[in-house]
Amino acid sequence: STIFYIFPLFRTSALLSVASVQSHQYYFVNTLRTWTEAQSVCRRDYTDLATIESTADVDAFLSTSSSYTGKAWIGLYEDIRNSWKWSLNDSSFYGPGEKWKPREPNDQYGQQCCVQFFGSIVNSLGEWDDVQCTYMRNFVCYNGGSPSYVLSNISLNWTEAQKFCRQNYVDLASVRNQAENEIIRTLVGASTVWIGLYREMLWSDGSTSLFRHFANGEPNGPSGDKCVAGSFSDSGRWSDESCSLSYPFVCYKPSNVSHSCCFSSHKNY
């Protein structure tokens, strides 16, 4: 599980605005905090940092402030250790079965979101490595029968490999245990191939929403940029930022209110 450290919060006068739409009521807190500090405030006084699941939520996010034009933290973040998931979205099918190379995953250059499987190559026997999803690789599909795994004879990027496996078999290969890892290693020989493990950003409140609203070219940061902010000057679009930067932030509470409203008040933190 992810551990977030709570930093001491200083009492300051903060301008607070709120907008509601659909199931979320958003609160703009105009005081500078790191992402983790902002998360602590939101969890203490509201529900959590903002989870944004639709374009309507983006509009509500923007309506929390009529004057601020900078960036504000939202609840999306990266965790290179705990945010991996299998392409085959069936939790009853597999267990963890992780077999990372030493010091992996490391998200080198900040863009390594897919997993390659090393066959019988020098210094590696069936180990895994996170790499950029745009690389071209052969890949292993899960067949759902006998044989369970099928090695491709073509090279594709990870997304195209996933599409190929879903169209022709069941999905990209999942690995439930060491025995299955060894079956795949034997199948691929000395090749390096895609398997079905990939990394998604996580929401602070545990939401599984896959809605994304990144600006062009984002996320693009180095490996240290693991937290996400929305821009009030760019239609609420998101960018990945260093979690140690200080920005205002947007919290939320659940809401049954179907109309939009705005008001301002002062709150001390």
Protein backbone atom coordinates (compact mmCIF):
# COMPACT_ATOMS: atom_id res chain seq x y z
CA SER A 1 0.00 0.00 0.00
CA THR A 2 1.07 3.60 -0.56
CA ILE A 3 2.32 5.56 2.43
CA PHE A 4 1.97 9.33 2.39
CA TYR A 5 3.84 11.41 4.93
CA ILE A 6 1.88 14.17 6.61
CA PHE A 7 3.77 17.42 6.93
CA PRO A 8 2.95 20.13 9.49
CA LEU A 9 0.52 22.69 8.12
CA PHE A 10 0.87 26.38 8.88
CA ARG A 11 -2.16 28.51 9.61
CA THR A 12 -2.81 30.93 6.81
CA SER A 13 -5.84 32.72 5.49
CA ALA A 14 -6.99 30.86 2.40
CA LEU A 15 -9.63 31.80 -0.14
CA LEU A 16 -12.01 28.92 -0.66
CA SER A 17 -14.42 28.53 -3.57
CA VAL A 18 -16.82 25.73 -4.38
CA ALA A 19 -18.69 24.41 -7.40
CA SER A 20 -20.92 21.37 -7.66
CA VAL A 21 -22.03 19.21 -10.54
CA GLN A 22 -23.21 15.62 -10.77
CA SER A 23 -21.73 13.56 -7.92
CA HIS A 24 -18.78 15.78 -6.96
CA GLN A 25 -18.64 19.11 -5.17
CA TYR A 26 -15.27 20.80 -5.69
CA TYR A 27 -13.47 23.22 -3.39
CA PHE A 28 -10.60 25.43 -4.57
CA VAL A 29 -8.16 26.10 -1.73
CA ASN A 30 -6.00 29.08 -2.60
CA THR A 31 -3.04 28.35 -0.38
CA LEU A 32 0.25 26.85 -1.50
CA ARG A 33 0.95 23.24 -0.53
CA THR A 34 2.95 20.32 -1.86
CA TRP A 35 0.83 17.49 -3.29
CA THR A 36 1.13 15.41 -0.11
CA GLU A 37 0.27 18.38 2.12
CA ALA A 38 -2.71 19.17 -0.10
CA GLN A 39 -3.86 15.56 0.14
CA SER A 40 -3.70 15.76 3.93
CA VAL A 41 -5.84 18.92 4.03
CA CYS A 42 -8.42 17.48 1.65
CA ARG A 43 -8.69 14.22 3.58
CA ARG A 44 -9.00 16.09 6.87
CA ASP A 45 -11.59 18.67 5.85
CA TYR A 46 -13.33 17.20 2.80
CA THR A 47 -13.17 13.76 1.20
CA ASP A 48 -9.94 13.84 -0.81
CA LEU A 49 -8.09 15.67 -3.54
CA ALA A 50 -10.29 16.12 -6.59
CA THR A 51 -11.13 13.08 -8.67
CA ILE A 52 -12.19 14.20 -12.16
CA GLU A 53 -14.15 11.65 -14.16
CA SER A 54 -15.77 13.57 -17.03
CA THR A 55 -15.74 16.80 -19.03
CA ALA A 56 -18.55 18.03 -16.75
CA ASP A 57 -16.21 17.54 -13.81
CA VAL A 58 -13.55 19.52 -15.67
CA ASP A 59 -16.03 22.39 -16.08
CA ALA A 60 -16.87 22.22 -12.37
CA PHE A 61 -13.16 22.25 -11.50
CA LEU A 62 -12.71 25.41 -13.57
CA SER A 63 -15.75 27.12 -12.06
CA THR A 64 -14.25 26.99 -8.54
CA SER A 65 -12.18 30.09 -9.32
CA SER A 66 -12.93 33.04 -11.58
CA SER A 67 -9.60 34.81 -11.08
CA TYR A 68 -6.84 32.23 -10.59
CA THR A 69 -4.96 31.40 -13.81
CA GLY A 70 -2.25 29.03 -12.61
CA LYS A 71 -2.12 25.32 -11.82
CA ALA A 72 -3.75 23.47 -8.94
CA TRP A 73 -3.20 19.97 -7.61
CA ILE A 74 -5.77 17.27 -8.29
CA GLY A 75 -5.82 13.71 -6.95
CA LEU A 76 -4.06 11.91 -9.80
CA TYR A 77 -0.55 10.60 -9.15
CA GLU A 78 1.93 7.92 -10.16
CA ASP A 79 3.30 5.15 -8.00
CA ILE A 80 5.88 3.11 -9.89
CA ARG A 81 5.67 0.24 -7.41
CA ASN A 82 1.97 -0.12 -6.72
CA SER A 83 0.08 1.03 -9.81
CA TRP A 84 0.75 -1.90 -12.13
CA LYS A 85 -2.17 -3.87 -13.55
CA TRP A 86 -2.69 -6.67 -16.04
CA SER A 87 -4.29 -6.15 -19.42
CA LEU A 88 -6.59 -9.11 -18.72
CA ASN A 89 -8.92 -7.36 -16.28
CA ASP A 90 -10.00 -10.40 -14.29
CA SER A 91 -8.78 -10.33 -10.71
CA SER A 92 -9.84 -13.95 -10.18
CA PHE A 93 -7.43 -15.10 -12.88
CA TYR A 94 -4.05 -14.15 -11.50
CA GLY A 95 -1.97 -13.37 -8.46
CA PRO A 96 0.99 -10.97 -8.22
CA GLY A 97 3.79 -13.28 -9.45
CA GLU A 98 6.18 -10.37 -9.88
CA LYS A 99 9.70 -11.05 -11.13
CA TRP A 100 11.32 -7.66 -11.68
CA LYS A 101 14.96 -7.28 -12.55
CA PRO A 102 17.02 -5.76 -9.71
CA ARG A 103 16.33 -2.01 -9.29
CA GLU A 104 13.26 -2.27 -11.54
CA PRO A 105 10.75 -0.80 -12.15
CA ASN A 106 12.51 2.57 -12.24
CA ASP A 107 10.48 4.65 -14.74
CA GLN A 108 13.66 5.93 -16.36
CA TYR A 109 13.06 9.16 -18.29
CA GLY A 110 9.51 9.28 -16.87
CA GLN A 111 7.82 7.37 -19.69
CA GLN A 112 8.17 3.69 -18.80
CA CYS A 113 4.64 2.39 -18.41
CA CYS A 114 4.76 -1.07 -20.08
CA VAL A 115 6.60 -4.27 -19.22
CA GLN A 116 8.95 -6.34 -21.34
CA PHE A 117 9.90 -9.90 -20.45
CA PHE A 118 13.49 -11.03 -20.88
CA GLY A 119 13.90 -14.61 -22.05
CA SER A 120 17.13 -16.58 -21.68
CA ILE A 121 19.52 -13.72 -22.26
CA VAL A 122 22.71 -12.66 -20.51
CA ASN A 123 22.14 -11.95 -16.80
CA SER A 124 18.41 -12.50 -17.03
CA LEU A 125 16.13 -15.54 -16.92
CA GLY A 126 12.51 -14.55 -17.28
CA GLU A 127 12.84 -11.18 -15.51
CA TRP A 128 10.76 -8.08 -16.13
CA ASP A 129 11.64 -4.49 -16.96
CA ASP A 130 9.55 -1.33 -17.38
CA VAL A 131 10.11 0.43 -20.71
CA GLN A 132 8.40 2.90 -23.01
CA CYS A 133 5.24 1.47 -24.56
CA THR A 134 6.23 2.72 -28.02
CA TYR A 135 9.09 0.23 -28.41
CA MET A 136 8.60 -2.52 -30.97
CA ARG A 137 8.64 -6.03 -29.52
CA ASN A 138 7.39 -9.52 -30.21
CA PHE A 139 4.80 -10.48 -27.60
CA VAL A 140 3.05 -13.35 -25.86
CA CYS A 141 -0.74 -13.75 -25.98
CA TYR A 142 -2.90 -15.69 -23.55
CA ASN A 143 -4.98 -18.24 -25.45
CA GLY A 144 -7.44 -19.39 -22.81
CA GLY A 145 -6.92 -23.05 -23.71
CA SER A 146 -4.12 -25.33 -24.81
CA PRO A 147 -1.54 -24.06 -25.37
CA SER A 148 -2.12 -21.32 -22.82
CA TYR A 149 0.45 -18.98 -24.37
CA VAL A 150 1.22 -18.11 -27.98
CA LEU A 151 4.38 -16.30 -29.12
CA SER A 152 3.87 -13.77 -31.91
CA ASN A 153 6.01 -13.77 -35.03
CA ILE A 154 5.60 -10.01 -35.54
CA SER A 155 6.81 -6.97 -33.62
CA LEU A 156 4.37 -4.29 -32.43
CA ASN A 157 4.26 -1.58 -29.80
CA TRP A 158 2.52 -2.54 -26.53
CA THR A 159 -0.87 -1.03 -27.42
CA GLU A 160 -0.95 -2.68 -30.82
CA ALA A 161 0.19 -5.98 -29.30
CA GLN A 162 -2.68 -5.77 -26.81
CA LYS A 163 -5.12 -5.12 -29.66
CA PHE A 164 -3.74 -8.06 -31.67
CA CYS A 165 -4.03 -10.48 -28.74
CA ARG A 166 -7.57 -9.37 -27.94
CA GLN A 167 -8.66 -9.76 -31.55
CA ASN A 168 -7.03 -13.14 -32.15
CA TYR A 169 -6.79 -14.80 -28.72
CA VAL A 170 -7.92 -13.57 -25.28
CA ASP A 171 -5.40 -10.92 -24.22
CA LEU A 172 -1.73 -10.24 -23.64
CA ALA A 173 -0.19 -12.78 -21.29
CA SER A 174 -0.69 -12.50 -17.54
CA VAL A 175 1.65 -14.31 -15.16
CA ARG A 176 0.10 -15.86 -12.04
CA ASN A 177 3.11 -17.58 -10.55
CA GLN A 178 6.70 -18.68 -11.06
CA ALA A 179 5.62 -21.82 -12.95
CA GLU A 180 3.86 -19.75 -15.60
CA ASN A 181 6.79 -17.35 -15.73
CA GLU A 182 9.02 -20.32 -16.54
CA ILE A 183 6.63 -21.56 -19.26
CA ILE A 184 6.82 -18.16 -20.96
CA ARG A 185 10.61 -18.02 -20.58
CA THR A 186 10.92 -21.41 -22.28
CA LEU A 187 8.50 -20.34 -25.02
CA VAL A 188 10.30 -17.12 -25.93
CA GLY A 189 13.86 -18.47 -25.77
CA ALA A 190 16.34 -15.62 -26.12
CA SER A 191 13.70 -13.07 -27.21
CA THR A 192 12.54 -10.00 -25.32
CA VAL A 193 8.75 -9.74 -25.51
CA TRP A 194 5.76 -7.79 -24.26
CA ILE A 195 3.57 -9.24 -21.53
CA GLY A 196 0.28 -7.76 -20.34
CA LEU A 197 1.52 -5.72 -17.38
CA TYR A 198 1.28 -1.94 -17.58
CA ARG A 199 1.06 1.05 -15.28
CA GLU A 200 -1.84 3.43 -14.85
CA MET A 201 -1.86 6.59 -12.80
CA LEU A 202 -3.87 6.30 -9.58
CA TRP A 203 -6.48 8.52 -7.96
CA SER A 204 -5.89 9.53 -4.36
CA ASP A 205 -9.38 8.35 -3.32
CA GLY A 206 -8.93 4.95 -4.97
CA SER A 207 -11.23 5.68 -7.91
CA THR A 208 -10.70 3.43 -10.92
CA SER A 209 -11.78 6.09 -13.42
CA LEU A 210 -9.71 6.05 -16.61
CA PHE A 211 -10.83 9.53 -17.70
CA ARG A 212 -7.80 11.61 -18.69
CA HIS A 213 -7.55 15.30 -19.64
CA PHE A 214 -3.84 15.86 -20.24
CA ALA A 215 -2.50 18.81 -22.21
CA ASN A 216 -0.72 18.13 -25.49
CA GLY A 217 2.61 16.44 -24.86
CA GLU A 218 1.70 15.51 -21.28
CA PRO A 219 2.58 13.65 -19.18
CA ASN A 220 6.14 14.35 -20.18
CA GLY A 221 8.17 14.90 -17.06
CA PRO A 222 11.33 13.25 -15.81
CA SER A 223 11.09 10.37 -13.39
CA GLY A 224 10.52 12.76 -10.47
CA ASP A 225 7.26 14.19 -11.86
CA LYS A 226 4.70 11.91 -10.23
CA CYS A 227 1.81 14.23 -9.31
CA VAL A 228 -0.79 15.91 -11.53
CA ALA A 229 -2.07 19.48 -11.63
CA GLY A 230 -4.87 21.06 -13.65
CA SER A 231 -4.36 24.41 -15.36
CA PHE A 232 -6.96 27.17 -15.00
CA SER A 233 -5.48 28.92 -18.06
CA ASP A 234 -5.61 25.84 -20.33
CA SER A 235 -9.19 24.59 -20.10
CA GLY A 236 -8.38 22.60 -16.98
CA ARG A 237 -5.92 20.40 -18.83
CA TRP A 238 -3.47 18.37 -16.79
CA SER A 239 0.30 18.14 -16.54
CA ASP A 240 2.61 15.97 -14.46
CA GLU A 241 4.63 17.95 -11.93
CA SER A 242 7.15 17.33 -9.18
CA CYS A 243 5.16 16.46 -6.04
CA SER A 244 7.41 18.77 -4.00
CA LEU A 245 6.20 21.90 -5.81
CA SER A 246 3.70 24.11 -4.00
CA TYR A 247 0.38 24.88 -5.71
CA PRO A 248 -3.15 25.71 -4.65
CA PHE A 249 -5.35 22.64 -4.81
CA VAL A 250 -8.87 21.40 -5.39
CA CYS A 251 -10.63 19.07 -2.96
CA TYR A 252 -14.01 17.39 -3.28
CA LYS A 253 -16.93 16.06 -1.31
CA PRO A 254 -19.69 13.82 -2.65
CA SER A 255 -22.71 15.83 -3.72
CA ASN A 256 -26.25 15.11 -4.84
CA VAL A 257 -26.70 18.65 -6.10
CA SER A 258 -27.45 18.69 -9.83
CA HIS A 259 -26.99 22.42 -10.45
CA SER A 260 -23.90 24.60 -10.34
CA CYS A 261 -23.25 27.15 -7.65
CA CYS A 262 -20.37 29.23 -6.48
CA PHE A 263 -19.50 31.09 -3.31
CA SER A 264 -16.41 32.29 -1.53
CA SER A 265 -15.36 32.07 2.08
CA HIS A 266 -12.18 32.16 4.12
CA LYS A 267 -10.78 29.16 5.91
CA ASN A 268 -7.64 28.91 8.02
CA TYR A 269 -5.10 26.10 7.67
